[in-house]
Amino acid sequence: MISVIVPIYNVEEYLPQCIRSISSQTYTELEIILVDDGSTDSGGALCDAYARQDARMKVIHKENGGLVSARKAGVNAAGGEYITFVDGDDWIAQDAYCRIMEHGGGADIIAFACLEEYGDYQCVRKNSVREGLYVSEGEKRRLYQTMFMDNHFYQFGIMPSLWSKLIRKDIIVRNQNKVSDCISYGEDVACTFPCLLDAGTICVTNLPLYHYRQRQDSIVKGSAKVPRCNFINLYSLLQAKFRAAVLHGKPLLVQLHFYMWFALLAKAYGDAGTDMVLFPFLKVTAKSRVAVYGAGTFGRSVKAYCDSQQDISVTGWVDLHYKTYRKQGLGVQGVEELQNIAFDTLIIAILNEPLAVRIKDELIRTGIPEERIDWVRQDILEATPLPDWMRAE
């Protein structure tokens, strides 16, 4: 049996589609646990109504405690051999669990892919490690060397999301209960990768069976800065787990260094503690005119930081999907507008170096000199220690 846990908080608009996509699965050996995390809308009542119609459903009503707290409530109540998650505003393909179980080969963890749904477009998000079954110690060792970062900043070898996994109950319960409730960013990472280290067998497939909704309100809300205690707890938990993995600890700790920089740049920009004018962009100097390429989480963080600094003047902000961001009230322009913007340095505010390099090469082809373009480079982050406040033990 599979226990499907749905953490729910104020998503009444999307909840019917989510629950119906689970209850109508062609794989019927399901236990569906709806965790109402103190919703203030009608989500809790909707859960009760659906549970009255399907004996496989149970509802947990609890005070609001955040996503980690809701997941703990779910896993501790679950009775299935496998546990998986579906967020209350997402949905899954009707044959998702049949196909996952067919590919899984009885593995302790089965990882799959997703479709990111942006409303006016979608894209497939895949695992970048080799697909297949990892059984032997040698196979798993090679997996662990790139599962957290696949040698490029920043691309996960295995997607960190818990909802893109089926995990045996004893593994997920043990690791989820160790995650601090105060972790609101990186909460998937804090559980997923410890689980992968504890697995005897792992199956990876890139079947895109999960629909991950990118909501405008959650995207804007996700721009909020995350407090330092989040990163301290996250780093401490993963550092201890990786150090205990004697055979795999060294490469995992290297990957952890890069991940924490990724997290800090995305969610605590300005707390890096370096003496650079605009970390990690070496080409930006005092009194620079800067154009920002990118309006995702990192782009918004960089733009807000630059606007707060007297030494930096933002003369333009562009993104390929500027129409989507304009719907969110952001003053983003199309990339073609760069030809009309005066700047000293164009920074590519995207936390994926291979993608940033491709964008840089395309911009050069449009006539922008390479010496006026800067991007997040892995070598700079490798040479920069994490902030002292986070590394304190």
Protein backbone atom coordinates (compact mmCIF):
# COMPACT_ATOMS: atom_id res chain seq x y z
CA MET A 1 0.00 0.00 0.00
CA ILE A 2 1.05 3.58 -0.72
CA SER A 3 0.24 6.32 1.79
CA VAL A 4 -0.29 9.62 -0.04
CA ILE A 5 0.09 12.60 2.30
CA VAL A 6 -1.40 15.93 1.27
CA PRO A 7 -0.31 18.92 3.43
CA ILE A 8 -3.01 21.59 3.08
CA TYR A 9 -3.03 25.25 4.00
CA ASN A 10 -5.39 27.77 2.39
CA VAL A 11 -5.54 26.20 -1.08
CA GLU A 12 -9.31 25.70 -1.37
CA GLU A 13 -9.31 26.85 -4.99
CA TYR A 14 -6.97 24.05 -6.07
CA LEU A 15 -7.84 21.32 -3.59
CA PRO A 16 -10.63 19.56 -5.54
CA GLN A 17 -8.36 18.98 -8.56
CA CYS A 18 -5.59 17.74 -6.26
CA ILE A 19 -7.74 15.28 -4.30
CA ARG A 20 -9.59 13.97 -7.36
CA SER A 21 -6.29 13.30 -9.13
CA ILE A 22 -5.28 11.05 -6.22
CA SER A 23 -8.59 9.31 -5.58
CA SER A 24 -8.99 8.45 -9.28
CA GLN A 25 -5.59 6.74 -9.55
CA THR A 26 -5.54 3.49 -11.50
CA TYR A 27 -3.38 2.16 -8.65
CA THR A 28 -6.00 1.57 -5.99
CA GLU A 29 -3.99 0.31 -2.99
CA LEU A 30 -3.84 3.77 -1.51
CA GLU A 31 -4.21 5.41 1.86
CA ILE A 32 -4.87 9.13 1.40
CA ILE A 33 -4.01 11.33 4.40
CA LEU A 34 -5.23 14.93 4.18
CA VAL A 35 -3.40 17.12 6.71
CA ASP A 36 -5.27 20.36 7.30
CA ASP A 37 -2.55 22.57 8.78
CA GLY A 38 -4.89 25.09 10.38
CA SER A 39 -6.43 26.39 7.15
CA THR A 40 -8.48 29.55 7.58
CA ASP A 41 -10.44 29.01 4.35
CA SER A 42 -12.87 26.16 3.61
CA GLY A 43 -10.07 23.67 2.93
CA GLY A 44 -10.66 21.75 6.16
CA ALA A 45 -14.36 21.32 5.43
CA LEU A 46 -13.57 20.20 1.87
CA CYS A 47 -11.25 17.54 3.27
CA ASP A 48 -14.00 16.21 5.52
CA ALA A 49 -16.48 16.13 2.63
CA TYR A 50 -14.13 14.15 0.40
CA ALA A 51 -13.27 11.73 3.23
CA ARG A 52 -16.96 10.93 3.69
CA GLN A 53 -17.05 9.79 0.06
CA ASP A 54 -13.89 7.66 0.06
CA ALA A 55 -13.05 5.21 2.84
CA ARG A 56 -9.37 5.32 1.87
CA MET A 57 -9.12 8.92 3.10
CA LYS A 58 -8.41 10.14 6.59
CA VAL A 59 -8.24 13.76 7.69
CA ILE A 60 -5.92 15.27 10.29
CA HIS A 61 -6.87 18.74 11.55
CA LYS A 62 -4.08 20.52 13.41
CA GLU A 63 -2.98 23.99 14.42
CA ASN A 64 -0.90 25.77 11.83
CA GLY A 65 2.71 24.76 12.24
CA GLY A 66 4.17 24.94 8.75
CA LEU A 67 4.93 22.39 6.06
CA VAL A 68 7.46 20.35 8.05
CA SER A 69 5.03 20.02 10.94
CA ALA A 70 2.22 18.92 8.59
CA ARG A 71 4.45 16.33 6.95
CA LYS A 72 5.44 14.91 10.32
CA ALA A 73 1.78 14.55 11.29
CA GLY A 74 1.15 12.70 8.05
CA VAL A 75 4.07 10.29 8.11
CA ASN A 76 3.51 9.41 11.77
CA ALA A 77 -0.09 8.46 10.98
CA ALA A 78 0.70 6.56 7.76
CA GLY A 79 0.30 2.81 7.44
CA GLY A 80 1.55 2.22 3.89
CA GLU A 81 4.70 0.40 2.89
CA TYR A 82 5.59 3.43 0.78
CA ILE A 83 4.93 7.08 1.56
CA THR A 84 4.66 9.90 -0.94
CA PHE A 85 3.39 13.48 -0.95
CA VAL A 86 1.21 15.72 -3.10
CA ASP A 87 1.00 19.43 -2.29
CA GLY A 88 -2.56 20.69 -1.99
CA ASP A 89 -2.28 22.99 -5.01
CA ASP A 90 -0.69 20.38 -7.31
CA TRP A 91 -2.02 17.28 -9.05
CA ILE A 92 -0.76 13.98 -10.51
CA ALA A 93 -1.33 12.00 -13.69
CA GLN A 94 -4.11 9.41 -13.38
CA ASP A 95 -1.75 6.45 -13.91
CA ALA A 96 1.15 7.95 -11.94
CA TYR A 97 1.51 5.38 -9.18
CA CYS A 98 0.91 2.40 -11.50
CA ARG A 99 3.73 3.53 -13.75
CA ILE A 100 6.03 4.43 -10.86
CA MET A 101 5.56 1.03 -9.22
CA GLU A 102 6.14 -0.72 -12.55
CA HIS A 103 9.46 1.08 -12.97
CA GLY A 104 10.45 0.93 -9.33
CA GLY A 105 11.55 -2.66 -9.09
CA GLY A 106 10.77 -2.76 -5.37
CA ALA A 107 13.42 -0.14 -4.60
CA ASP A 108 13.50 1.58 -1.20
CA ILE A 109 13.19 4.95 -2.96
CA ILE A 110 11.71 5.61 -6.39
CA ALA A 111 12.44 9.08 -7.83
CA PHE A 112 10.54 10.48 -10.80
CA ALA A 113 10.14 13.77 -12.71
CA CYS A 114 7.54 16.53 -12.96
CA LEU A 115 5.93 19.11 -15.17
CA GLU A 116 6.26 22.66 -13.86
CA GLU A 117 2.99 24.44 -14.66
CA TYR A 118 3.21 28.21 -15.14
CA GLY A 119 -0.27 28.76 -16.55
CA ASP A 120 0.77 30.06 -19.95
CA TYR A 121 3.58 27.54 -20.40
CA GLN A 122 5.02 24.38 -18.83
CA CYS A 123 8.42 22.69 -18.72
CA VAL A 124 9.67 19.26 -17.74
CA ARG A 125 11.92 19.09 -14.68
CA LYS A 126 14.07 15.94 -14.67
CA ASN A 127 16.66 14.18 -12.57
CA SER A 128 20.06 14.56 -14.23
CA VAL A 129 21.65 11.34 -12.94
CA ARG A 130 21.45 8.11 -14.92
CA GLU A 131 18.00 6.54 -14.99
CA GLY A 132 17.74 3.02 -13.64
CA LEU A 133 18.13 0.93 -10.51
CA TYR A 134 21.01 1.53 -8.11
CA VAL A 135 21.68 -1.57 -6.00
CA SER A 136 25.38 -2.25 -5.46
CA GLU A 137 27.59 -0.16 -3.20
CA GLY A 138 29.61 0.91 -6.23
CA GLU A 139 26.51 2.12 -8.08
CA LYS A 140 25.25 4.02 -5.07
CA ARG A 141 28.67 5.54 -4.44
CA ARG A 142 28.70 6.96 -7.96
CA LEU A 143 25.16 8.25 -7.41
CA TYR A 144 26.06 9.97 -4.14
CA GLN A 145 28.95 11.79 -5.80
CA THR A 146 26.52 13.86 -7.87
CA MET A 147 23.07 13.40 -6.30
CA PHE A 148 23.16 16.74 -4.47
CA MET A 149 24.84 18.67 -7.29
CA ASP A 150 25.66 17.23 -10.70
CA ASN A 151 28.99 19.07 -11.09
CA HIS A 152 27.30 22.28 -12.25
CA PHE A 153 26.19 25.20 -10.10
CA TYR A 154 23.41 24.75 -9.41
CA GLN A 155 21.78 21.62 -10.76
CA PHE A 156 20.58 18.82 -8.51
CA GLY A 157 21.55 15.32 -9.57
CA ILE A 158 18.29 14.11 -8.05
CA MET A 159 15.41 16.53 -7.67
CA PRO A 160 15.13 17.42 -3.96
CA SER A 161 11.32 17.52 -3.80
CA LEU A 162 9.67 14.92 -1.56
CA TRP A 163 6.61 14.85 -3.80
CA SER A 164 8.73 13.39 -6.61
CA LYS A 165 9.58 10.31 -4.55
CA LEU A 166 8.06 7.13 -3.19
CA ILE A 167 9.98 6.24 -0.03
CA ARG A 168 9.71 3.23 2.26
CA LYS A 169 7.97 4.16 5.48
CA ASP A 170 10.76 3.43 7.96
CA ILE A 171 13.23 5.59 6.01
CA ILE A 172 10.98 8.63 5.62
CA VAL A 173 9.60 8.53 9.17
CA ARG A 174 13.09 8.41 10.69
CA ASN A 175 14.44 11.30 8.63
CA GLN A 176 11.37 13.54 8.48
CA ASN A 177 11.08 13.58 12.26
CA LYS A 178 14.65 14.92 12.50
CA VAL A 179 13.86 18.02 10.44
CA SER A 180 13.31 21.13 12.54
CA ASP A 181 9.87 22.72 12.21
CA CYS A 182 11.60 26.11 11.83
CA ILE A 183 13.03 25.15 8.43
CA SER A 184 10.79 26.76 5.83
CA TYR A 185 13.31 26.87 2.98
CA GLY A 186 15.23 23.72 2.09
CA GLU A 187 12.74 21.54 4.00
CA ASP A 188 12.72 19.00 1.15
CA VAL A 189 16.51 18.94 0.94
CA ALA A 190 16.71 18.38 4.70
CA CYS A 191 14.79 15.11 4.36
CA THR A 192 15.31 13.84 0.81
CA PHE A 193 19.08 13.48 0.79
CA PRO A 194 19.36 11.84 4.23
CA CYS A 195 16.69 9.39 3.00
CA LEU A 196 18.72 8.64 -0.12
CA LEU A 197 21.76 7.88 2.04
CA ASP A 198 19.71 5.43 4.13
CA ALA A 199 18.26 3.57 1.13
CA GLY A 200 19.45 0.10 0.22
CA THR A 201 18.18 0.41 -3.35
CA ILE A 202 17.23 3.50 -5.37
CA CYS A 203 15.37 3.72 -8.67
CA VAL A 204 15.49 6.86 -10.82
CA THR A 205 13.10 7.51 -13.70
CA ASN A 206 12.30 10.67 -15.62
CA LEU A 207 8.64 9.98 -16.21
CA PRO A 208 6.99 13.44 -15.70
CA LEU A 209 3.97 12.31 -13.68
CA TYR A 210 3.58 15.12 -11.16
CA HIS A 211 2.14 18.54 -12.05
CA TYR A 212 3.86 21.24 -9.98
CA ARG A 213 1.78 24.42 -10.07
CA GLN A 214 3.73 27.69 -10.04
CA ARG A 215 1.21 30.09 -8.50
CA GLN A 216 1.63 33.82 -8.84
CA ASP A 217 0.85 34.44 -5.18
CA SER A 218 3.24 31.75 -3.93
CA ILE A 219 6.00 32.98 -6.25
CA VAL A 220 5.74 36.53 -4.89
CA LYS A 221 5.48 35.27 -1.32
CA GLY A 222 8.53 33.10 -1.96
CA SER A 223 10.60 36.24 -2.52
CA ALA A 224 10.61 36.97 1.21
CA LYS A 225 13.97 36.79 2.94
CA VAL A 226 14.50 33.69 5.10
CA PRO A 227 15.94 34.15 8.63
CA ARG A 228 19.41 32.97 9.53
CA CYS A 229 18.15 30.30 11.94
CA ASN A 230 16.70 28.43 8.94
CA PHE A 231 20.13 28.09 7.35
CA ILE A 232 21.91 27.29 10.61
CA ASN A 233 19.52 24.39 11.31
CA LEU A 234 19.60 23.15 7.73
CA TYR A 235 23.39 23.25 7.47
CA SER A 236 23.86 21.60 10.86
CA LEU A 237 21.48 18.73 10.04
CA LEU A 238 23.00 17.95 6.64
CA GLN A 239 26.59 18.43 7.76
CA ALA A 240 26.12 15.91 10.59
CA LYS A 241 24.43 13.39 8.26
CA PHE A 242 27.08 13.68 5.58
CA ARG A 243 29.97 13.46 8.02
CA ALA A 244 28.47 10.25 9.40
CA ALA A 245 28.44 8.75 5.89
CA VAL A 246 32.09 7.76 6.11
CA LEU A 247 32.40 6.31 2.60
CA HIS A 248 30.61 9.19 0.89
CA GLY A 249 31.07 12.14 3.22
CA LYS A 250 33.80 14.10 1.41
CA PRO A 251 32.03 14.63 -1.94
CA LEU A 252 28.74 15.25 -0.15
CA LEU A 253 30.28 17.96 2.03
CA VAL A 254 31.67 19.64 -1.10
CA GLN A 255 28.18 19.55 -2.62
CA LEU A 256 26.76 20.93 0.63
CA HIS A 257 29.07 23.95 0.42
CA PHE A 258 27.68 24.84 -2.99
CA TYR A 259 24.09 24.15 -2.00
CA MET A 260 24.29 26.49 0.98
CA TRP A 261 25.59 29.24 -1.31
CA PHE A 262 22.71 28.51 -3.66
CA ALA A 263 20.23 28.80 -0.77
CA LEU A 264 21.80 31.97 0.62
CA LEU A 265 21.88 33.73 -2.73
CA ALA A 266 18.25 32.82 -3.36
CA LYS A 267 16.74 33.49 0.05
CA ALA A 268 19.14 35.52 2.22
CA TYR A 269 20.87 37.78 -0.25
CA GLY A 270 22.88 40.41 1.57
CA ASP A 271 23.95 38.03 4.37
CA ALA A 272 26.96 36.69 2.47
CA GLY A 273 29.39 38.74 4.53
CA THR A 274 31.88 39.45 1.71
CA ASP A 275 33.48 42.77 0.80
CA MET A 276 32.35 42.65 -2.84
CA VAL A 277 30.08 45.44 -4.08
CA LEU A 278 27.63 42.87 -5.47
CA PHE A 279 28.44 39.28 -4.56
CA PRO A 280 29.38 37.17 -6.49
CA PHE A 281 29.60 39.50 -9.49
CA LEU A 282 33.25 40.59 -9.71
CA LYS A 283 32.70 43.02 -12.57
CA VAL A 284 30.31 45.25 -10.62
CA THR A 285 32.15 48.17 -9.05
CA ALA A 286 31.06 51.10 -6.92
CA LYS A 287 28.77 53.58 -8.68
CA SER A 288 28.04 51.03 -11.41
CA ARG A 289 25.02 51.16 -13.66
CA VAL A 290 23.65 47.62 -13.64
CA ALA A 291 21.13 45.85 -15.85
CA VAL A 292 19.63 42.69 -14.33
CA TYR A 293 18.72 39.67 -16.47
CA GLY A 294 16.35 37.33 -14.60
CA ALA A 295 13.19 37.82 -12.53
CA GLY A 296 13.08 34.50 -10.72
CA THR A 297 13.75 34.16 -7.00
CA PHE A 298 17.40 35.16 -7.30
CA GLY A 299 16.72 37.93 -9.78
CA ARG A 300 14.15 39.49 -7.48
CA SER A 301 16.55 39.24 -4.53
CA VAL A 302 19.37 40.90 -6.48
CA LYS A 303 17.08 43.64 -7.80
CA ALA A 304 15.78 44.44 -4.32
CA TYR A 305 19.31 44.50 -2.89
CA CYS A 306 20.61 46.77 -5.63
CA ASP A 307 17.68 49.16 -5.11
CA SER A 308 18.65 49.44 -1.44
CA GLN A 309 22.29 50.36 -2.20
CA GLN A 310 23.53 53.86 -2.96
CA ASP A 311 26.58 52.52 -4.83
CA ILE A 312 24.53 50.65 -7.47
CA SER A 313 22.05 52.00 -9.96
CA VAL A 314 19.70 49.55 -11.71
CA THR A 315 18.98 50.92 -15.18
CA GLY A 316 17.01 47.94 -16.51
CA TRP A 317 15.45 44.59 -15.58
CA VAL A 318 14.67 41.97 -18.24
CA ASP A 319 13.50 38.38 -18.52
CA LEU A 320 12.48 36.05 -21.31
CA HIS A 321 9.14 35.42 -19.56
CA TYR A 322 8.56 39.07 -18.69
CA LYS A 323 4.83 38.87 -19.46
CA THR A 324 4.34 36.29 -16.69
CA TYR A 325 6.22 38.45 -14.19
CA ARG A 326 4.35 41.60 -15.20
CA LYS A 327 1.13 39.87 -14.20
CA GLN A 328 2.66 39.71 -10.72
CA GLY A 329 3.21 43.47 -10.72
CA LEU A 330 6.95 43.38 -11.44
CA GLY A 331 8.44 46.04 -13.71
CA VAL A 332 10.23 43.57 -15.97
CA GLN A 333 10.89 44.21 -19.67
CA GLY A 334 11.54 41.91 -22.60
CA VAL A 335 15.15 40.92 -23.33
CA GLU A 336 15.08 42.84 -26.62
CA GLU A 337 14.87 46.07 -24.57
CA LEU A 338 18.52 45.64 -23.55
CA GLN A 339 19.43 47.44 -26.77
CA ASN A 340 17.79 50.58 -25.32
CA ILE A 341 19.26 50.36 -21.80
CA ALA A 342 22.49 52.10 -20.76
CA PHE A 343 24.56 49.98 -18.37
CA ASP A 344 28.13 49.33 -17.28
CA THR A 345 27.53 45.67 -16.37
CA LEU A 346 24.77 43.26 -17.30
CA ILE A 347 24.42 40.65 -14.57
CA ILE A 348 22.70 37.36 -15.32
CA ALA A 349 20.86 36.69 -12.05
CA ILE A 350 20.20 32.99 -12.63
CA LEU A 351 21.46 30.33 -10.22
CA ASN A 352 22.23 27.78 -12.92
CA GLU A 353 25.65 28.31 -14.42
CA PRO A 354 25.19 26.24 -17.63
CA LEU A 355 21.98 28.15 -18.39
CA ALA A 356 23.61 31.48 -17.53
CA VAL A 357 26.51 30.71 -19.88
CA ARG A 358 24.10 29.89 -22.71
CA ILE A 359 22.32 33.19 -22.11
CA LYS A 360 25.67 35.01 -22.00
CA ASP A 361 26.69 33.51 -25.35
CA GLU A 362 23.37 34.52 -26.91
CA LEU A 363 23.75 38.07 -25.59
CA ILE A 364 27.23 38.28 -27.10
CA ARG A 365 25.75 37.27 -30.45
CA THR A 366 23.36 40.23 -30.18
CA GLY A 367 26.34 42.58 -29.89
CA ILE A 368 26.84 42.99 -26.12
CA PRO A 369 30.59 42.75 -25.30
CA GLU A 370 31.50 39.81 -23.04
CA GLU A 371 33.51 42.09 -20.74
CA ARG A 372 30.27 43.85 -19.79
CA ILE A 373 28.45 40.63 -18.82
CA ASP A 374 28.78 38.86 -15.48
CA TRP A 375 27.15 35.73 -14.04
CA VAL A 376 27.33 33.43 -11.02
CA ARG A 377 30.47 31.33 -11.39
CA GLN A 378 31.16 28.13 -9.55
CA ASP A 379 34.89 28.85 -9.14
CA ILE A 380 34.18 32.06 -7.22
CA LEU A 381 31.78 30.30 -4.85
CA GLU A 382 34.20 27.42 -4.36
CA ALA A 383 36.88 29.86 -3.20
CA THR A 384 34.54 31.77 -0.87
CA PRO A 385 33.97 30.34 2.64
CA LEU A 386 30.43 30.20 3.92
CA PRO A 387 29.58 33.01 6.38
CA ASP A 388 30.92 32.52 9.90
CA TRP A 389 27.43 32.87 11.39
CA MET A 390 26.29 29.74 9.56
CA ARG A 391 29.41 27.61 10.07
CA ALA A 392 29.55 28.05 13.84
CA GLU A 393 29.40 24.61 15.50
